[in-house]
Protein backbone atom coordinates (compact mmCIF):
# COMPACT_ATOMS: atom_id res chain seq x y z
CA MET A 1 -17.62 -1.46 -1.61
CA SER A 2 -13.95 -0.64 -1.34
CA LYS A 3 -12.03 -1.82 1.70
CA THR A 4 -8.92 0.13 0.80
CA ILE A 5 -8.31 3.45 2.51
CA GLU A 6 -7.69 6.52 0.42
CA ILE A 7 -4.39 7.87 1.65
CA THR A 8 -3.54 11.52 0.99
CA ASP A 9 -0.78 13.99 1.75
CA ALA A 10 -3.01 15.19 4.63
CA ASN A 11 -3.71 11.87 6.39
CA PHE A 12 -0.59 9.87 5.50
CA GLU A 13 1.41 10.34 8.72
CA GLN A 14 -1.60 9.51 10.87
CA ILE A 15 -2.34 6.29 8.96
CA ILE A 16 1.21 4.90 8.86
CA ALA A 17 1.60 5.48 12.61
CA SER A 18 -0.59 2.38 13.13
CA ASP A 19 1.02 -0.63 14.82
CA LYS A 20 -0.56 -2.90 12.19
CA PRO A 21 1.30 -3.59 8.94
CA ILE A 22 0.19 -1.21 6.21
CA LEU A 23 0.33 -1.90 2.48
CA VAL A 24 0.32 1.33 0.48
CA ASP A 25 -0.31 1.19 -3.26
CA PHE A 26 1.07 4.22 -5.11
CA TRP A 27 -0.90 4.44 -8.36
CA ALA A 28 -2.40 6.74 -11.00
CA GLU A 29 -5.52 6.69 -13.16
CA TRP A 30 -3.47 6.63 -16.42
CA CYS A 31 -1.20 3.73 -15.37
CA GLY A 32 -1.98 0.40 -17.08
CA PRO A 33 -0.15 -1.91 -14.62
CA CYS A 34 -1.81 0.00 -11.73
CA LYS A 35 -5.21 -0.95 -13.14
CA MET A 36 -4.09 -4.59 -13.32
CA ILE A 37 -2.98 -4.71 -9.69
CA GLY A 38 -5.85 -2.55 -8.36
CA PRO A 39 -8.35 -5.43 -7.94
CA VAL A 40 -5.66 -7.54 -6.23
CA VAL A 41 -5.03 -4.74 -3.73
CA GLU A 42 -8.81 -4.51 -3.10
CA GLU A 43 -8.99 -8.28 -2.45
CA LEU A 44 -6.10 -8.10 0.00
CA ALA A 45 -7.84 -5.25 1.83
CA GLY A 46 -10.84 -7.50 2.39
CA GLU A 47 -8.84 -10.58 3.33
CA TYR A 48 -6.58 -8.75 5.79
CA GLU A 49 -9.29 -6.65 7.41
CA GLY A 50 -8.52 -6.39 11.12
CA LYS A 51 -4.95 -7.70 10.63
CA ALA A 52 -3.46 -5.10 8.31
CA ILE A 53 -4.37 -1.81 6.67
CA VAL A 54 -4.43 -1.52 2.90
CA GLY A 55 -4.49 1.90 1.29
CA LYS A 56 -3.93 3.65 -2.00
CA VAL A 57 -2.17 6.90 -2.83
CA ASP A 58 -3.04 8.62 -6.10
CA VAL A 59 0.37 10.05 -7.05
CA ASP A 60 -1.14 12.80 -9.19
CA SER A 61 -3.31 14.12 -6.35
CA ASN A 62 -0.73 13.61 -3.58
CA PRO A 63 2.69 14.74 -4.81
CA GLU A 64 4.14 15.34 -1.32
CA VAL A 65 3.91 11.74 -0.10
CA SER A 66 5.04 10.42 -3.48
CA ALA A 67 8.09 12.73 -3.47
CA LYS A 68 8.93 11.92 0.15
CA PHE A 69 9.39 8.24 -0.72
CA GLY A 70 10.98 8.86 -4.12
CA ILE A 71 8.21 7.16 -6.05
CA ARG A 72 9.36 7.27 -9.67
CA SER A 73 7.67 4.26 -11.21
CA ILE A 74 4.20 2.99 -10.47
CA PRO A 75 2.70 0.87 -9.25
CA THR A 76 4.98 0.93 -6.24
CA LEU A 77 3.74 -0.87 -3.14
CA LEU A 78 5.34 -0.09 0.19
CA VAL A 79 4.77 -2.01 3.41
CA PHE A 80 5.03 0.07 6.57
CA LYS A 81 5.26 -1.06 10.17
CA GLY A 82 5.38 1.44 13.03
CA GLY A 83 5.82 4.30 10.58
CA GLU A 84 8.86 2.74 8.86
CA ILE A 85 9.15 1.11 5.43
CA VAL A 86 9.80 -2.60 5.99
CA ASP A 87 9.22 -3.91 2.48
CA LYS A 88 8.86 -2.64 -1.08
CA GLN A 89 7.54 -3.95 -4.38
CA ILE A 90 7.82 -2.09 -7.67
CA GLY A 91 5.58 -3.18 -10.53
CA ALA A 92 2.58 -5.45 -10.80
CA VAL A 93 3.07 -8.83 -9.13
CA PRO A 94 0.85 -11.81 -8.28
CA LYS A 95 -1.37 -11.48 -5.23
CA SER A 96 0.60 -14.22 -3.44
CA VAL A 97 3.75 -12.05 -3.46
CA LEU A 98 1.97 -9.19 -1.70
CA ALA A 99 0.22 -11.58 0.70
CA GLN A 100 3.59 -13.06 1.71
CA LYS A 101 4.94 -9.57 2.46
CA LEU A 102 1.96 -8.80 4.70
CA ASP A 103 2.07 -12.23 6.37
CA ALA A 104 5.76 -11.77 7.22
CA GLN A 105 4.99 -8.50 9.01
CA ILE A 106 1.93 -9.87 10.81
CA GLU A 107 3.95 -12.88 12.05
CA ALA A 108 6.81 -10.62 13.11
CA SER A 109 4.49 -8.70 15.42
CA VAL A 110 2.97 -11.73 17.17
């Protein structure tokens, strides 16, 4: 079962308003690197349950959010805190890189 939250144009503002760090994966069905990083994002969602929120935005289905943040290449992963972008990663990277980004935000809020 998926632990990631499906983020859409409709629920985006509500989700990023959380005081927990939020990792948002902008992806598309046709994107090869997105499929490579997808399972990593799912694992992080499970490991950070209760500490951070992990969600995915399908750029084809949600053009408003994608346009708002100028998403031009995918996968793009944005880390939000208190509704603001605090970190960004473009392209597929090892899980440890994304975990470090989340850890930095979790530690910053302690």
